[in-house]
Structure formats: structure tokens, C-alpha cells
Amino acid sequence: MHDTGGTGMELNDISRLLEDERKEYVRRKIHEYKEAGFSDVEAINKANQSWRTHIGARIQDVIFSLLEEELKKMLA
């Protein structure tokens, strides 16, 4: 397994965490889309598509935060 730089969390742990979060997110969104009148298939497709946008935005926020911290250290 690959260590992630001394954080104590390995890549498999991160994968499991993201997969658990994906399942919960998709389950919740499917329910929301069904309540909004979408068919089962449409609700599942929309939920899976919205996960990609959701997680992409969260990853972007993490990257920006890390870069901001590093830039502050460099400029200090």
C-alpha cells in the first residue's frame, strides 16, 4: 500500500471513505429526484452525474486550500 506522506491514512482508506460518501450522497439524491417526479432510472442517472460535479468541487476546494496555505508560508 502507498502511504500518503505521514498522515497515517493510506490510499485504500481514502478510496473507502470516498466510496462510502458517494453511496450516501447518491442514495440521498435518488430520493430527492424521485420526490421531484423523476423515474427510477432518471433519478439514478441524475444522482450519479451530480456526484461527479459535487466531488469535483470539493476536491477543487481542498486543492485551493492547500495551495493557499503553501503560498502564505512562502510569502511569510
Protein backbone atom coordinates (compact mmCIF):
# COMPACT_ATOMS: atom_id res chain seq x y z
CA MET A 1 0.00 0.00 0.00
CA HIS A 2 1.04 3.58 -0.57
CA ASP A 3 1.43 5.92 2.36
CA THR A 4 0.16 9.46 1.84
CA GLY A 5 3.11 11.29 3.33
CA GLY A 6 2.90 10.60 7.03
CA THR A 7 -0.77 11.40 7.52
CA GLY A 8 -1.44 7.88 8.75
CA MET A 9 -4.11 7.43 6.09
CA GLU A 10 -3.42 5.11 3.18
CA LEU A 11 -4.85 5.32 -0.32
CA ASN A 12 -7.20 2.39 0.31
CA ASP A 13 -8.61 4.25 3.31
CA ILE A 14 -9.25 7.30 1.16
CA SER A 15 -10.88 5.18 -1.52
CA ARG A 16 -13.18 3.55 1.06
CA LEU A 17 -14.05 6.93 2.54
CA LEU A 18 -14.91 8.38 -0.86
CA GLU A 19 -16.92 5.31 -1.84
CA ASP A 20 -18.91 5.45 1.40
CA GLU A 21 -19.56 9.15 0.86
CA ARG A 22 -20.56 8.50 -2.78
CA LYS A 23 -23.06 5.82 -1.78
CA GLU A 24 -24.68 8.06 0.83
CA TYR A 25 -24.76 11.07 -1.50
CA VAL A 26 -26.25 9.08 -4.41
CA ARG A 27 -28.84 7.42 -2.13
CA ARG A 28 -29.94 10.81 -0.81
CA LYS A 29 -30.05 12.41 -4.27
CA ILE A 30 -32.02 9.50 -5.77
CA HIS A 31 -34.63 10.02 -3.07
CA GLU A 32 -34.72 13.79 -3.79
CA TYR A 33 -35.07 13.26 -7.56
CA LYS A 34 -37.82 10.67 -7.12
CA GLU A 35 -39.72 13.09 -4.89
CA ALA A 36 -39.30 15.68 -7.64
CA GLY A 37 -41.09 13.33 -10.04
CA PHE A 38 -38.23 11.68 -11.92
CA SER A 39 -38.45 7.98 -12.81
CA ASP A 40 -36.18 5.50 -11.03
CA VAL A 41 -33.75 5.36 -13.97
CA GLU A 42 -33.69 9.14 -14.39
CA ALA A 43 -33.18 9.65 -10.66
CA ILE A 44 -30.26 7.20 -10.58
CA ASN A 45 -28.61 8.76 -13.63
CA LYS A 46 -29.04 12.30 -12.34
CA ALA A 47 -27.73 11.34 -8.90
CA ASN A 48 -24.62 9.70 -10.35
CA GLN A 49 -23.97 12.65 -12.64
CA SER A 50 -24.39 15.17 -9.83
CA TRP A 51 -21.90 13.19 -7.68
CA ARG A 52 -19.16 13.93 -10.23
CA THR A 53 -19.85 17.65 -10.01
CA HIS A 54 -20.16 17.55 -6.23
CA ILE A 55 -16.91 15.67 -5.59
CA GLY A 56 -15.04 17.66 -8.23
CA ALA A 57 -15.96 20.91 -6.49
CA ARG A 58 -14.93 19.51 -3.10
CA ILE A 59 -11.57 18.32 -4.44
CA GLN A 60 -11.02 21.73 -6.01
CA ASP A 61 -11.72 23.42 -2.66
CA VAL A 62 -9.18 21.15 -0.92
CA ILE A 63 -6.51 21.83 -3.55
CA PHE A 64 -7.08 25.59 -3.38
CA SER A 65 -6.91 25.49 0.41
CA LEU A 66 -3.63 23.56 0.37
CA LEU A 67 -2.15 25.90 -2.23
CA GLU A 68 -3.25 28.94 -0.26
CA GLU A 69 -1.55 27.59 2.88
CA GLU A 70 1.68 26.94 0.99
CA LEU A 71 1.64 30.38 -0.62
CA LYS A 72 1.13 32.03 2.75
CA LYS A 73 4.14 30.12 4.11
CA MET A 74 6.25 31.14 1.14
CA LEU A 75 5.32 34.81 1.50
CA ALA A 76 5.77 34.91 5.27
